[in-house]
Structures are given as structure tokens and as C-alpha cells.
Amino acid sequence: MKNKRNGKHEKRIKKLAIVCTLCAVLLGVSTYAWFIGMRTVNVSGFDVNIATTESLYLSLNGEDWDYTVNINEENINDVGGGTVYEGNTNSWSELIPMSTVGKINATSNRLTLYEKGSFTATPGGYRIMASEVTNTGAKEEDGYVVFDLFIKNLSGEAYYANLSDNPMKDEEAIYLTTESAVTVADAGAGAEKTGIENSVRVAFAQIGRVEATTGADADADTYDADLAKIRGISCTTADNVTGICTRDATIWEPNDTKHVENAINWFATTCKKRTGADLTQSTSYGAACDAIADGTAYPAYAISGVIDETDQVDNYDGYNGYNTSIAQTATKGKLVKVDTFTDSEKIKTGNKRMPFMYLAPNSITKVRVYIYLEGQDVDNYDFASLGKKITVNFGFTKERFNGEDAGQTGVELPDDVLATRTVEYTANVTVDDISNPKVEFDANVFTVPREVMSFTFTDGDVQMIATYITATTLEEAHWEIKEVEEP
């Protein structure tokens, strides 16, 4: 029996910088929208796996460096086991809709977030008041997931201590892989009807960096001092630490063009065009807002400062044609159209592909990763709830072009492996035991979703199993097909 090679195999391992998988988000519980103010929204079982290759190394404690790390609800505070460092401010909690424009508080070394303080119906939307999340204590507040990730970039020998206003001058561009996605893992009946997964955001806040030689294996006193410096990286530029908090966090917005029918209908019902300042008066509102449609991206007018009752902000401002409450930069009592990195930008190819963020060569950078629900997203609407598992997958690459962009066919692989998520099989195949109902098959070609790592089928009377082997530093990602061993 023989497998047909895929002729357009992509050289994944040479492009991969970071691959991260977050599993079992919102497992078996409900996630409620911004409007109804429920604070019992559970997040269960994140599993974060991160891998690197070539000149990038990762660490969760600033000391133990590897190509792969793993963080989850069980080990996020595992100081004794060496997963994270003592004194970390990681947080693993329930997800509550938040809002941010990506500003970093240089005093607390944390992302500035806002949460709903009050929400009441207007004749054409909802009046919103918001307060700043007080995440300045020993730990971050509840409502989102956040953890420190240290990235060591060993390309090049020079280290640039000064932070340039234009990172393209002396830093390396990092790109988001096209496979990065936020999906409902279980495609059972009703799994994607509410679309709450379309309001998920992942923010990458670069706090600061030091020269990568810091922490080198020297004498004990020097090593301890360097390790303390790495772990203590903050927004302050001092003692050979370069603070990066003047830059906004990079916010990834998955599913920017996806809008489910219920979200579209809710917007059409509740949003009215606004013309007047007094949002309590019906005369301040007119006809229905212009409709939103699936397949089209819409901006999120995120909260940029404390909003009180005197600010007269409707959550639909911007969409409803009223721009008095909209600002260009973060301002108290205003909304700001956030420049997120979207999936529409992620899928661009060739010279149109845009950098996701920048890292200095020969550096160790401390990044705080935030996972949250953007309350101002049009997909975060009343009655939006989800009892299914959400899977978040993301990865980084240093390569702007993939193999297909450059007309490459990829390296030769053994006859018994395939390197894409489409598996071609040349024998007489009957698929009678698919381990995931989303697997499609036709004419001996299996089109396999990203989250499916294994499935079984029969070739004549022989039971076969196909297993996806993820990329390592020694080999590329590929499918491995073999007979099922009898117990």
C-alpha cells in the first residue's frame, strides 16, 4: 500500500517561529455577552503549547529555555515544578467581556483594560459607562487569561539597546502564520449559532527586553543577578533593560469577517442611527443602522478611557453614524477604532503580507499575553452564549514568503508520509470509523480539519490509522499512516 505525495508541500519547519495551541476554552459552560453583565462566565481547561525552531527559544520562567513550553490551568502557578517563576503575576480565570485599545500602563507593566460599569437601553442602542480594571495589585484581576512569555532571539550578534520609533530600522519582522485560527472545536448541532467566538482577542504586550547574553552560564552570583534581571524586566529603561511599553500591544482579531445570523439580526433590531447628543431622547435616533453582513469586516470601537454618565456614549456609536464620542487616540470618555491585526491581513501572501510584531536581534523580550473577549465587538451581543469548546491556535514565523509564493515544491519526504492536512491514499479505501465527524472524504482524499490529529479507516480488510505528526527542529509536519496494531 502506498501514499501519494502532495506536490505542494510547504516548508513549515524553516518558517515556524512560535506555534501555540489553546484548547478546551469555554468547555461545557456558557459565555455571556457584554450587555447582560453576567460575571459567572467560566473558562475551563486552556492548554497552551508553544514551540520554536532555529534561533528562537522560549521560556515561562526566564531560566529554562527550549523549543517548546506548555502552560495550562494546572501549571500556571507551578513555581516549585519549575514551570513559572516565583513572583509572577499570571492569572487564569473566568472570561468576562473587556475592552482595550492596547495601551500599556508603564507603572503596573500591564495592559490597560476597561469593563462595563453600567449598561442600559437607549431608544437606539445602549448607554455604556465603563471603569478601568484595577489590575495593579500583586496579581491581575479576574476576567481574562494572562501569562508571561520570554522570547530569546539569537539571530545576529548586535543588540540595539535604544528603542526605535521605527522598529523596521533595527528589529526583525515576525509574521502570524496562516494556520492561526479561533474556532468552535465541536461542530455539533448549534455549535456556531451564537458567534461569541468571533469576539475573542489575543493581545501581545511587549514589556521590555535585555541583551540575550544576559543569563549566560557564568559564576553563580552573576547567573543569579542576570536571571533576576530577566524576570524583573519592566517598562522602565534602566540597568541595561530597554522598556517597550510606549508601543501599543499587538492585538490579533480572529474571524474579523465572520458574523452569525443571530448577531446580524440582533444588530439590525437594536441599532438605530444617532443624530442627537441626548441619548435618552427618541428624537436623537432615526432609522435602522446600515446592516452588517457575514463575510465583511467591521471595526471595533473599543473603550479608551473611563466613561461616565456625562459622556453620553452609546455602544453603537461609530456604527450609527454618530462620531462625537469617537476619538483618534485614547481619551477619557471616548471610543477609539482599534487597529487590530485581522485574519484578513493574516491570509495575505507575497509582498502584501504584513508584519505582526518586531523583535530585536540578540535579545530576550518579555511579552505578556492576554486572552479576552472584546465587549465592543459587534459579535458580542445580548443572548450570545456558548456551551461548546473553543480552540485557539496561533503561530509566528520569520519568513514573509511561503514555499508556494516562491514557487517551491518542498523537500522530499518518505513514501509513507504526507505533509499537508489533506491526505491522499491510493489503495481501495472505505472510511467506516471516522474519529471526528468533521472529517470529509471523497475518492481516497481525506480533507482533515486543523484540530483533528488522528482518524481511522479501512483499506480492504485492513484497519488503518492516520496520525498527524507536528513539526520539530528535525522534521516537518506530516501525516503518518500505518496499520492499527491488534491489542
Protein backbone atom coordinates (compact mmCIF):
# COMPACT_ATOMS: atom_id res chain seq x y z
CA MET A 1 0.00 0.00 0.00
CA LYS A 2 1.33 3.38 -0.93
CA ASN A 3 0.54 7.03 -0.17
CA LYS A 4 0.56 9.66 -2.92
CA ARG A 5 2.83 12.59 -2.17
CA ASN A 6 1.36 16.05 -2.09
CA GLY A 7 3.20 18.09 -4.74
CA LYS A 8 2.87 21.43 -2.97
CA HIS A 9 4.34 20.65 0.39
CA GLU A 10 5.17 23.75 2.42
CA LYS A 11 8.49 24.07 4.23
CA ARG A 12 6.91 24.65 7.59
CA ILE A 13 9.82 23.98 9.88
CA LYS A 14 12.02 26.67 8.32
CA LYS A 15 9.30 29.24 8.73
CA LEU A 16 7.95 28.39 12.12
CA ALA A 17 8.89 30.68 14.97
CA ILE A 18 6.17 30.04 17.52
CA VAL A 19 3.21 27.70 17.42
CA CYS A 20 0.65 27.97 20.18
CA THR A 21 -2.49 25.91 20.76
CA LEU A 22 -5.10 26.79 23.35
CA CYS A 23 -7.65 24.06 23.83
CA ALA A 24 -10.92 23.50 25.68
CA VAL A 25 -11.81 27.15 26.06
CA LEU A 26 -15.35 27.65 27.38
CA LEU A 27 -15.80 23.90 27.69
CA GLY A 28 -19.31 22.84 28.60
CA VAL A 29 -20.28 26.20 30.06
CA SER A 30 -21.90 29.40 28.87
CA THR A 31 -20.21 32.63 27.81
CA TYR A 32 -22.40 35.69 28.10
CA ALA A 33 -22.18 38.91 26.19
CA TRP A 34 -21.22 42.42 27.23
CA PHE A 35 -24.81 43.54 27.62
CA ILE A 36 -26.32 41.29 30.26
CA GLY A 37 -23.49 41.77 32.74
CA MET A 38 -23.18 38.17 33.94
CA ARG A 39 -19.98 37.66 35.91
CA THR A 40 -20.14 33.88 36.19
CA VAL A 41 -18.66 33.17 32.80
CA ASN A 42 -16.37 30.18 33.13
CA VAL A 43 -13.25 29.29 31.20
CA SER A 44 -12.19 25.70 31.56
CA GLY A 45 -9.08 23.84 30.51
CA PHE A 46 -6.89 26.10 28.42
CA ASP A 47 -3.92 24.06 27.22
CA VAL A 48 -1.17 26.25 25.79
CA ASN A 49 1.57 24.56 23.80
CA ILE A 50 4.29 26.77 22.30
CA ALA A 51 7.13 25.61 20.06
CA THR A 52 10.07 27.32 18.34
CA THR A 53 12.79 26.45 15.90
CA GLU A 54 16.08 27.80 14.65
CA SER A 55 17.26 30.92 16.54
CA LEU A 56 14.20 31.43 18.78
CA TYR A 57 13.87 29.93 22.25
CA LEU A 58 11.03 30.15 24.73
CA SER A 59 10.70 30.20 28.48
CA LEU A 60 7.96 30.69 31.05
CA ASN A 61 10.36 31.37 33.90
CA GLY A 62 13.25 33.19 32.19
CA GLU A 63 15.69 30.43 33.09
CA ASP A 64 14.78 27.18 31.32
CA TRP A 65 14.92 27.66 27.55
CA ASP A 66 13.63 25.22 24.98
CA TYR A 67 11.95 24.94 21.62
CA THR A 68 8.67 24.06 23.32
CA VAL A 69 6.86 25.08 26.51
CA ASN A 70 3.44 24.26 27.88
CA ILE A 71 1.21 26.25 30.18
CA ASN A 72 -2.29 25.45 31.39
CA GLU A 73 -4.63 25.95 34.33
CA GLU A 74 -2.80 23.33 36.37
CA ASN A 75 0.77 24.60 35.97
CA ILE A 76 0.31 28.35 35.57
CA ASN A 77 1.32 28.79 39.23
CA ASP A 78 3.67 25.81 39.38
CA VAL A 79 6.68 27.59 40.86
CA GLY A 80 8.05 24.53 42.63
CA GLY A 81 7.88 22.44 39.47
CA GLY A 82 9.89 25.00 37.52
CA THR A 83 7.18 25.92 35.02
CA VAL A 84 6.85 29.57 36.04
CA TYR A 85 8.96 31.86 38.18
CA GLU A 86 8.35 32.95 41.73
CA GLY A 87 6.70 36.34 41.89
CA ASN A 88 4.93 36.05 38.53
CA THR A 89 1.61 37.84 38.04
CA ASN A 90 -0.04 35.30 35.74
CA SER A 91 -3.79 34.86 36.01
CA TRP A 92 -6.16 32.10 34.90
CA SER A 93 -9.78 32.99 35.46
CA GLU A 94 -13.27 33.31 34.07
CA LEU A 95 -13.67 35.27 30.85
CA ILE A 96 -15.71 38.44 31.21
CA PRO A 97 -16.09 40.83 28.25
CA MET A 98 -13.45 43.55 28.43
CA SER A 99 -12.35 46.34 26.11
CA THR A 100 -8.92 47.79 25.32
CA VAL A 101 -7.14 49.86 22.69
CA GLY A 102 -3.80 48.22 23.52
CA LYS A 103 -2.25 50.85 25.79
CA ILE A 104 0.22 49.54 28.39
CA ASN A 105 0.36 51.01 31.88
CA ALA A 106 4.06 51.81 32.41
CA THR A 107 3.61 51.85 36.20
CA SER A 108 1.95 48.45 36.56
CA ASN A 109 3.64 46.93 33.46
CA ARG A 110 0.24 45.65 32.34
CA LEU A 111 -2.33 46.12 29.60
CA THR A 112 -4.91 48.82 30.32
CA LEU A 113 -8.39 47.25 30.23
CA TYR A 114 -11.91 48.56 30.80
CA GLU A 115 -15.03 46.76 31.95
CA LYS A 116 -18.70 47.66 31.92
CA GLY A 117 -19.82 49.72 34.87
CA SER A 118 -23.39 50.25 33.69
CA PHE A 119 -25.41 49.33 30.65
CA THR A 120 -28.96 50.45 29.97
CA ALA A 121 -31.14 50.55 26.86
CA THR A 122 -31.47 53.73 24.79
CA PRO A 123 -34.02 54.36 22.02
CA GLY A 124 -31.42 53.14 19.52
CA GLY A 125 -28.84 51.09 21.37
CA TYR A 126 -27.35 51.01 24.86
CA ARG A 127 -25.82 53.71 27.03
CA ILE A 128 -22.49 52.45 28.28
CA MET A 129 -20.48 53.53 31.31
CA ALA A 130 -17.11 51.90 31.92
CA SER A 131 -14.46 51.78 34.60
CA GLU A 132 -10.79 50.85 34.37
CA VAL A 133 -9.86 47.38 35.57
CA THR A 134 -7.72 47.83 38.68
CA ASN A 135 -5.08 45.31 37.69
CA THR A 136 -2.26 46.99 39.61
CA GLY A 137 -2.03 44.64 42.58
CA ALA A 138 0.07 41.56 43.24
CA LYS A 139 -1.97 39.63 40.66
CA GLU A 140 -4.04 40.64 37.66
CA GLU A 141 -7.80 40.87 38.09
CA ASP A 142 -10.28 38.17 37.02
CA GLY A 143 -11.97 38.28 33.64
CA TYR A 144 -9.23 37.16 31.25
CA VAL A 145 -6.22 34.85 30.92
CA VAL A 146 -2.73 36.37 31.05
CA PHE A 147 0.79 34.97 31.37
CA ASP A 148 4.42 35.97 30.81
CA LEU A 149 6.29 34.55 27.84
CA PHE A 150 10.03 35.16 27.41
CA ILE A 151 11.36 35.00 23.84
CA LYS A 152 15.09 34.71 23.17
CA ASN A 153 16.05 35.77 19.64
CA LEU A 154 19.62 34.76 18.81
CA SER A 155 19.79 35.90 15.20
CA GLY A 156 22.62 38.36 14.70
CA GLU A 157 25.30 39.43 17.16
CA ALA A 158 24.44 43.08 17.71
CA TYR A 159 22.00 44.19 20.39
CA TYR A 160 20.20 47.52 20.00
CA ALA A 161 19.59 48.98 23.42
CA ASN A 162 17.69 52.02 22.21
CA LEU A 163 14.05 51.60 21.27
CA SER A 164 13.49 53.00 17.80
CA ASP A 165 10.29 54.78 16.84
CA ASN A 166 10.54 52.81 13.62
CA PRO A 167 11.23 49.15 14.53
CA MET A 168 11.95 48.29 10.88
CA LYS A 169 15.29 50.10 11.27
CA ASP A 170 16.92 47.57 13.57
CA GLU A 171 14.43 44.83 14.53
CA GLU A 172 13.20 41.67 12.84
CA ALA A 173 9.68 41.32 11.47
CA ILE A 174 7.59 38.44 12.84
CA TYR A 175 4.55 37.20 10.91
CA LEU A 176 1.39 35.41 12.05
CA THR A 177 1.04 32.00 10.41
CA THR A 178 -1.90 31.47 8.10
CA GLU A 179 -2.98 28.44 10.14
CA SER A 180 -3.71 30.62 13.18
CA ALA A 181 -7.42 30.43 14.00
CA VAL A 182 -10.13 30.63 16.65
CA THR A 183 -12.86 28.07 16.05
CA VAL A 184 -15.60 26.13 17.76
CA ALA A 185 -13.90 22.77 18.05
CA ASP A 186 -17.14 20.79 18.32
CA ALA A 187 -19.15 21.25 15.13
CA GLY A 188 -22.23 19.58 16.54
CA ALA A 189 -25.73 20.97 16.19
CA GLY A 190 -25.91 24.62 17.21
CA ALA A 191 -22.20 24.88 17.95
CA GLU A 192 -21.65 28.08 15.96
CA LYS A 193 -25.05 29.74 16.18
CA THR A 194 -24.18 32.49 18.64
CA GLY A 195 -20.78 33.52 17.25
CA ILE A 196 -19.32 34.56 20.60
CA GLU A 197 -16.01 33.06 19.46
CA ASN A 198 -15.83 35.85 16.89
CA SER A 199 -15.23 38.39 19.66
CA VAL A 200 -12.14 36.62 21.07
CA ARG A 201 -8.95 38.69 21.08
CA VAL A 202 -5.31 37.79 21.84
CA ALA A 203 -3.09 40.73 22.82
CA PHE A 204 0.71 40.58 22.88
CA ALA A 205 2.12 43.31 25.13
CA GLN A 206 5.90 43.66 24.85
CA ILE A 207 7.08 44.90 28.24
CA GLY A 208 10.83 45.17 27.77
CA ARG A 209 13.98 43.43 26.64
CA VAL A 210 17.62 42.79 27.57
CA GLU A 211 20.64 41.56 25.68
CA ALA A 212 20.46 37.82 25.06
CA THR A 213 23.86 37.19 26.64
CA THR A 214 22.19 38.09 29.94
CA GLY A 215 21.68 34.91 31.92
CA ALA A 216 24.64 33.12 30.36
CA ASP A 217 26.09 30.26 32.35
CA ALA A 218 28.72 32.15 34.35
CA ASP A 219 29.57 32.04 38.04
CA ALA A 220 26.64 31.59 40.43
CA ASP A 221 26.43 35.20 41.58
CA THR A 222 26.46 36.57 38.02
CA TYR A 223 23.95 33.99 36.86
CA ASP A 224 21.54 34.79 39.69
CA ALA A 225 21.84 38.51 39.06
CA ASP A 226 21.20 38.10 35.33
CA LEU A 227 18.25 35.79 35.97
CA ALA A 228 16.71 38.31 38.34
CA LYS A 229 17.13 40.98 35.66
CA ILE A 230 15.35 38.86 33.04
CA ARG A 231 12.43 38.06 35.32
CA GLY A 232 12.24 41.63 36.52
CA ILE A 233 12.07 43.18 33.03
CA SER A 234 9.65 46.09 33.24
CA CYS A 235 8.56 49.14 31.29
CA THR A 236 11.38 51.17 32.84
CA THR A 237 14.51 51.70 30.74
CA ALA A 238 17.34 51.34 33.26
CA ASP A 239 20.15 48.99 34.27
CA ASN A 240 20.56 47.67 30.69
CA VAL A 241 16.83 46.98 30.36
CA THR A 242 15.03 48.53 27.40
CA GLY A 243 11.40 49.33 28.18
CA ILE A 244 8.93 48.81 25.32
CA CYS A 245 5.66 49.93 26.91
CA THR A 246 5.46 53.08 24.83
CA ARG A 247 4.39 50.80 21.99
CA ASP A 248 0.81 49.58 21.93
CA ALA A 249 0.18 45.87 22.32
CA THR A 250 -0.36 43.91 19.12
CA ILE A 251 -3.97 42.71 19.17
CA TRP A 252 -4.94 39.77 16.99
CA GLU A 253 -8.60 39.77 15.90
CA PRO A 254 -9.54 36.35 14.53
CA ASN A 255 -12.70 35.84 12.48
CA ASP A 256 -12.98 39.52 11.59
CA THR A 257 -15.28 38.77 8.64
CA LYS A 258 -17.40 36.10 10.34
CA HIS A 259 -20.82 37.07 11.72
CA VAL A 260 -23.53 34.54 12.52
CA GLU A 261 -27.18 35.12 11.65
CA ASN A 262 -28.25 35.76 15.26
CA ALA A 263 -25.63 38.50 15.69
CA ILE A 264 -26.67 40.12 12.41
CA ASN A 265 -30.35 40.03 13.39
CA TRP A 266 -29.64 41.45 16.84
CA PHE A 267 -27.72 44.38 15.38
CA ALA A 268 -30.49 45.07 12.86
CA THR A 269 -33.08 45.09 15.64
CA THR A 270 -31.30 47.21 18.23
CA CYS A 271 -29.06 49.69 16.38
CA LYS A 272 -30.61 52.98 15.21
CA LYS A 273 -28.85 55.89 13.53
CA ARG A 274 -28.00 58.60 16.04
CA THR A 275 -28.19 62.34 15.37
CA GLY A 276 -28.58 63.96 18.79
CA ALA A 277 -26.41 64.32 21.88
CA ASP A 278 -29.06 63.35 24.44
CA LEU A 279 -29.17 59.60 24.15
CA THR A 280 -32.22 59.34 26.41
CA GLN A 281 -34.45 61.03 23.80
CA SER A 282 -36.11 59.14 20.94
CA THR A 283 -35.62 62.24 18.78
CA SER A 284 -31.86 61.58 18.92
CA TYR A 285 -32.33 58.40 16.91
CA GLY A 286 -33.77 57.68 13.48
CA ALA A 287 -33.89 54.77 11.07
CA ALA A 288 -32.14 51.46 11.49
CA CYS A 289 -28.36 51.40 11.14
CA ASP A 290 -26.83 50.14 7.92
CA ALA A 291 -26.91 46.36 8.03
CA ILE A 292 -23.87 44.25 8.80
CA ALA A 293 -23.23 41.14 6.71
CA ASP A 294 -21.34 37.92 7.06
CA GLY A 295 -18.11 37.99 5.07
CA THR A 296 -17.41 41.67 5.74
CA ALA A 297 -15.05 43.04 8.39
CA TYR A 298 -16.21 45.81 10.73
CA PRO A 299 -14.06 47.82 13.17
CA ALA A 300 -14.40 47.58 16.93
CA TYR A 301 -14.82 50.98 18.61
CA ALA A 302 -13.11 50.00 21.85
CA ILE A 303 -13.21 51.84 25.17
CA SER A 304 -10.16 54.06 25.58
CA GLY A 305 -10.85 55.66 28.96
CA VAL A 306 -13.28 55.88 31.85
CA ILE A 307 -16.81 56.64 30.61
CA ASP A 308 -19.36 58.17 32.98
CA GLU A 309 -22.95 59.34 32.62
CA THR A 310 -21.93 62.83 31.45
CA ASP A 311 -20.12 61.40 28.41
CA GLN A 312 -23.33 60.23 26.73
CA VAL A 313 -21.74 57.26 24.92
CA ASP A 314 -23.89 54.75 23.07
CA ASN A 315 -22.21 51.41 22.50
CA TYR A 316 -23.18 51.61 18.80
CA ASP A 317 -21.51 54.98 18.28
CA GLY A 318 -19.40 54.81 15.15
CA TYR A 319 -21.71 52.22 13.60
CA ASN A 320 -24.73 54.51 13.95
CA GLY A 321 -23.14 57.48 12.20
CA TYR A 322 -22.56 59.42 15.44
CA ASN A 323 -18.88 60.31 15.86
CA THR A 324 -18.89 62.90 18.67
CA SER A 325 -17.94 60.18 21.16
CA ILE A 326 -15.21 58.78 18.88
CA ALA A 327 -11.55 59.84 19.26
CA GLN A 328 -8.43 59.13 17.23
CA THR A 329 -6.29 58.39 20.28
CA ALA A 330 -7.05 57.09 23.76
CA THR A 331 -9.09 59.68 25.65
CA LYS A 332 -11.33 59.61 28.71
CA GLY A 333 -14.99 59.26 27.86
CA LYS A 334 -14.33 58.25 24.26
CA LEU A 335 -14.28 55.24 21.97
CA VAL A 336 -11.42 54.56 19.55
CA LYS A 337 -11.43 52.49 16.37
CA VAL A 338 -8.76 49.91 17.17
CA ASP A 339 -6.21 48.95 14.53
CA THR A 340 -6.13 45.20 15.20
CA PHE A 341 -4.25 42.60 13.20
CA THR A 342 -7.04 40.70 11.49
CA ASP A 343 -7.42 37.35 9.79
CA SER A 344 -7.98 39.29 6.57
CA GLU A 345 -4.40 40.58 6.92
CA LYS A 346 -3.10 37.20 8.06
CA ILE A 347 -4.03 35.48 4.80
CA LYS A 348 -2.30 37.99 2.52
CA THR A 349 0.58 36.49 0.55
CA GLY A 350 3.81 37.56 -1.06
CA ASN A 351 4.76 41.22 -0.80
CA LYS A 352 1.34 42.06 0.62
CA ARG A 353 1.98 40.06 3.77
CA MET A 354 2.19 42.36 6.79
CA PRO A 355 4.41 42.00 9.90
CA PHE A 356 2.64 41.03 13.10
CA MET A 357 5.26 42.40 15.51
CA TYR A 358 9.01 43.05 15.74
CA LEU A 359 11.77 41.54 17.90
CA ALA A 360 15.28 42.88 18.34
CA PRO A 361 18.17 40.61 17.36
CA ASN A 362 20.30 39.06 20.11
CA SER A 363 17.62 39.85 22.69
CA ILE A 364 15.39 38.42 25.39
CA THR A 365 11.93 40.01 25.29
CA LYS A 366 9.30 39.71 27.99
CA VAL A 367 5.80 39.52 26.48
CA ARG A 368 2.55 39.45 28.45
CA VAL A 369 -0.06 37.50 26.52
CA TYR A 370 -3.72 38.40 27.18
CA ILE A 371 -6.73 36.37 26.01
CA TYR A 372 -10.10 38.10 26.41
CA LEU A 373 -13.49 38.86 24.86
CA GLU A 374 -13.82 42.31 23.25
CA GLY A 375 -17.10 43.64 24.60
CA GLN A 376 -17.40 46.28 21.86
CA ASP A 377 -17.25 43.72 19.05
CA VAL A 378 -20.48 43.51 17.03
CA ASP A 379 -20.46 39.75 17.64
CA ASN A 380 -20.65 40.28 21.41
CA TYR A 381 -24.39 40.76 21.69
CA ASP A 382 -27.22 40.02 24.11
CA PHE A 383 -28.08 36.31 24.46
CA ALA A 384 -24.77 35.28 22.90
CA SER A 385 -23.72 32.20 24.84
CA LEU A 386 -21.76 29.09 24.08
CA GLY A 387 -21.65 25.68 25.70
CA LYS A 388 -19.13 24.29 23.25
CA LYS A 389 -15.36 24.13 23.27
CA ILE A 390 -13.44 26.96 21.59
CA THR A 391 -9.96 26.21 20.26
CA VAL A 392 -7.39 28.96 19.73
CA ASN A 393 -4.37 28.15 17.56
CA PHE A 394 -1.70 30.67 16.69
CA GLY A 395 1.84 30.66 15.43
CA PHE A 396 4.61 33.05 14.36
CA THR A 397 7.10 32.83 11.53
CA LYS A 398 10.08 34.91 10.47
CA GLU A 399 9.52 34.16 6.80
CA ARG A 400 7.41 36.59 4.81
CA PHE A 401 7.08 34.23 1.84
CA ASN A 402 5.92 30.64 1.93
CA GLY A 403 7.02 27.92 -0.46
CA GLU A 404 4.12 28.44 -2.83
CA ASP A 405 4.85 32.19 -3.03
CA ALA A 406 8.35 31.41 -4.21
CA GLY A 407 7.30 28.50 -6.47
CA GLN A 408 8.90 25.88 -4.24
CA THR A 409 7.78 22.25 -4.17
CA GLY A 410 9.26 21.41 -0.79
CA VAL A 411 11.69 18.75 0.38
CA GLU A 412 11.33 15.10 -0.47
CA LEU A 413 9.55 13.03 2.17
CA PRO A 414 9.43 9.28 2.65
CA ASP A 415 6.76 7.41 0.72
CA ASP A 416 4.73 6.75 3.86
CA VAL A 417 4.30 10.37 4.99
CA LEU A 418 2.40 13.38 3.71
CA ALA A 419 2.94 16.95 4.79
CA THR A 420 -0.37 18.72 4.49
CA ARG A 421 -3.71 18.42 6.22
CA THR A 422 -5.10 16.85 3.04
CA VAL A 423 -4.29 13.14 2.99
CA GLU A 424 -4.27 11.27 -0.32
CA TYR A 425 -4.35 7.49 -0.27
CA THR A 426 -4.05 5.32 -3.38
CA ALA A 427 -5.47 2.00 -2.19
CA ASN A 428 -9.07 0.75 -2.09
CA VAL A 429 -10.30 2.74 0.88
CA THR A 430 -13.54 2.53 2.83
CA VAL A 431 -13.94 5.12 5.57
CA ASP A 432 -16.11 3.48 8.21
CA ASP A 433 -14.69 4.71 11.50
CA ILE A 434 -14.04 8.43 11.41
CA SER A 435 -12.93 9.63 14.84
CA ASN A 436 -14.25 13.16 14.21
CA PRO A 437 -17.47 13.87 12.26
CA LYS A 438 -15.89 16.93 10.61
CA VAL A 439 -13.52 14.75 8.56
CA GLU A 440 -14.62 14.71 4.93
CA PHE A 441 -13.62 12.06 2.43
CA ASP A 442 -14.02 11.52 -1.27
CA ALA A 443 -12.12 9.44 -3.85
CA ASN A 444 -9.44 8.44 -1.34
CA VAL A 445 -8.74 12.05 -0.34
CA PHE A 446 -9.26 12.99 3.31
CA THR A 447 -9.66 16.73 3.98
CA VAL A 448 -8.87 16.99 7.68
CA PRO A 449 -9.62 19.99 9.94
CA ARG A 450 -6.67 21.52 11.77
CA GLU A 451 -7.83 20.32 15.19
CA VAL A 452 -8.12 16.65 14.12
CA MET A 453 -4.84 14.93 14.90
CA SER A 454 -5.84 11.32 14.15
CA PHE A 455 -8.55 9.24 12.44
CA THR A 456 -9.06 5.65 11.32
CA PHE A 457 -10.24 3.98 8.11
CA THR A 458 -10.10 0.61 6.34
CA ASP A 459 -8.18 -0.42 3.26
CA GLY A 460 -9.91 -3.58 2.12
CA ASP A 461 -9.92 -5.68 5.27
CA VAL A 462 -7.02 -3.82 6.88
CA GLN A 463 -7.72 -1.28 9.62
CA MET A 464 -5.54 1.81 9.18
CA ILE A 465 -4.83 4.87 11.33
CA ALA A 466 -3.67 8.28 10.12
CA THR A 467 -1.81 10.40 12.68
CA TYR A 468 -0.64 13.99 12.23
CA ILE A 469 2.96 14.50 13.35
CA THR A 470 3.68 18.11 14.28
CA ALA A 471 6.84 19.92 13.23
CA THR A 472 10.04 19.61 15.22
CA THR A 473 13.53 21.01 14.75
CA LEU A 474 14.45 17.85 12.81
CA GLU A 475 11.47 17.24 10.55
CA GLU A 476 8.49 18.93 9.01
CA ALA A 477 4.87 18.38 9.95
CA HIS A 478 3.41 15.36 8.15
CA TRP A 479 0.78 12.64 8.16
CA GLU A 480 1.88 9.15 9.16
CA ILE A 481 -0.32 6.24 8.05
CA LYS A 482 0.06 2.68 9.28
CA GLU A 483 -1.91 -0.39 10.23
CA VAL A 484 -3.75 -0.43 13.51
CA GLU A 485 -1.97 -2.78 15.87
CA GLU A 486 -4.12 -5.52 17.34
CA PRO A 487 -4.44 -5.43 21.15
